[in-house]
Amino acid sequence: MLRPLHKFIQDRHELVLTRWAAKACLLVPENQDPSNAQLRDSLGLFLKSITDGLGRASGILVHEQESAVAREHGNQRQSMSWDIDHVVREYGLFFETIVELAQEE
């Protein structure tokens, strides 16, 4: 039986974060430490806002307070000297991580 996507992600929250962060480390600019705690800091809140939005099934993925989480995530990445290309690739890695986990089921 297929489960809703938000439940699939919620049930694997820590695993998603661990794998996503490991992949994102490969994107870190050379002048930074890839073990930087900032890399993972906002991922948890961002992941929660995604699953909350998916769970509402209202057609509205992001409410204003969750948009603030996305803004903070973007601001944090900017403070780490990431350009928009890095951030877009990070979101792609999130998608890739979810697909990989689903294929493992």
Protein backbone atom coordinates (compact mmCIF):
# COMPACT_ATOMS: atom_id res chain seq x y z
CA MET A 1 0.00 0.00 0.00
CA LEU A 2 1.32 3.42 -0.92
CA ARG A 3 1.69 5.87 1.91
CA PRO A 4 1.37 9.63 1.51
CA LEU A 5 4.70 11.27 0.65
CA HIS A 6 4.73 13.43 3.77
CA LYS A 7 4.40 10.32 5.98
CA PHE A 8 7.15 8.54 4.06
CA ILE A 9 9.50 11.49 4.65
CA GLN A 10 8.43 12.03 8.28
CA ASP A 11 9.02 8.38 9.12
CA ARG A 12 12.56 8.69 7.77
CA HIS A 13 13.28 12.24 8.98
CA GLU A 14 16.68 11.53 10.50
CA LEU A 15 17.77 9.26 7.66
CA VAL A 16 16.76 11.89 5.08
CA LEU A 17 18.72 14.56 6.96
CA THR A 18 21.80 12.37 7.31
CA ARG A 19 21.91 11.38 3.65
CA TRP A 20 20.97 14.84 2.39
CA ALA A 21 23.67 16.49 4.52
CA ALA A 22 26.28 13.98 3.35
CA LYS A 23 25.48 14.80 -0.27
CA ALA A 24 25.35 18.55 0.42
CA CYS A 25 28.87 18.39 1.91
CA LEU A 26 30.09 17.80 -1.63
CA LEU A 27 28.72 21.23 -2.61
CA VAL A 28 30.58 23.18 0.07
CA PRO A 29 32.95 25.75 -1.44
CA GLU A 30 36.60 24.74 -1.12
CA ASN A 31 37.36 27.50 1.38
CA GLN A 32 34.95 26.04 3.95
CA ASP A 33 34.94 23.06 6.26
CA PRO A 34 32.42 20.50 4.92
CA SER A 35 31.65 19.40 8.47
CA ASN A 36 30.36 22.89 9.21
CA ALA A 37 27.40 22.57 11.59
CA GLN A 38 25.59 25.27 9.62
CA LEU A 39 25.26 22.83 6.76
CA ARG A 40 22.78 20.74 8.72
CA ASP A 41 21.36 23.40 11.05
CA SER A 42 18.45 24.60 9.00
CA LEU A 43 17.85 21.39 7.06
CA GLY A 44 15.72 19.92 9.86
CA LEU A 45 13.39 22.91 10.03
CA PHE A 46 13.25 23.12 6.27
CA LEU A 47 12.41 19.41 5.99
CA LYS A 48 9.66 19.79 8.59
CA SER A 49 8.13 22.71 6.70
CA ILE A 50 8.10 20.63 3.52
CA THR A 51 6.42 17.63 5.16
CA ASP A 52 3.92 19.86 6.98
CA GLY A 53 3.00 21.49 3.68
CA LEU A 54 2.64 18.16 1.90
CA GLY A 55 0.55 16.82 4.78
CA ARG A 56 -2.00 19.61 4.54
CA ALA A 57 -3.02 18.46 1.04
CA SER A 58 -4.66 21.83 0.62
CA GLY A 59 -2.87 22.84 -2.54
CA ILE A 60 -0.86 25.36 -0.50
CA LEU A 61 2.61 23.98 0.10
CA VAL A 62 4.04 26.91 2.03
CA HIS A 63 2.42 29.23 4.54
CA GLU A 64 4.04 32.51 5.48
CA GLN A 65 5.73 31.20 8.63
CA GLU A 66 7.22 28.32 6.64
CA SER A 67 8.33 30.72 3.95
CA ALA A 68 10.35 32.37 6.72
CA VAL A 69 12.10 29.02 7.31
CA ALA A 70 12.98 28.83 3.60
CA ARG A 71 14.19 32.45 3.70
CA GLU A 72 16.34 31.72 6.74
CA HIS A 73 17.77 28.64 5.02
CA GLY A 74 18.64 30.78 2.00
CA ASN A 75 20.13 33.52 4.18
CA GLN A 76 22.22 30.95 6.01
CA ARG A 77 23.53 29.52 2.76
CA GLN A 78 24.35 33.03 1.55
CA SER A 79 26.31 33.67 4.75
CA MET A 80 28.26 30.50 3.92
CA SER A 81 29.16 32.06 0.52
CA TRP A 82 26.93 29.69 -1.43
CA ASP A 83 25.60 31.07 -4.69
CA ILE A 84 22.16 30.28 -6.09
CA ASP A 85 23.58 27.39 -8.11
CA HIS A 86 24.69 25.64 -4.90
CA VAL A 87 21.28 26.16 -3.28
CA VAL A 88 19.39 24.82 -6.31
CA ARG A 89 21.66 21.77 -6.43
CA GLU A 90 21.06 21.25 -2.69
CA TYR A 91 17.31 21.09 -3.34
CA GLY A 92 17.99 18.63 -6.16
CA LEU A 93 19.92 16.47 -3.70
CA PHE A 94 16.90 16.49 -1.40
CA PHE A 95 14.75 15.11 -4.23
CA GLU A 96 17.45 12.58 -5.12
CA THR A 97 17.62 11.41 -1.49
CA ILE A 98 13.85 10.85 -1.31
CA VAL A 99 13.85 8.91 -4.59
CA GLU A 100 16.75 6.72 -3.41
CA LEU A 101 14.98 5.92 -0.15
CA ALA A 102 11.78 5.06 -1.99
CA GLN A 103 13.67 2.73 -4.32
CA GLU A 104 15.16 0.95 -1.30
CA GLU A 105 11.68 0.08 0.00
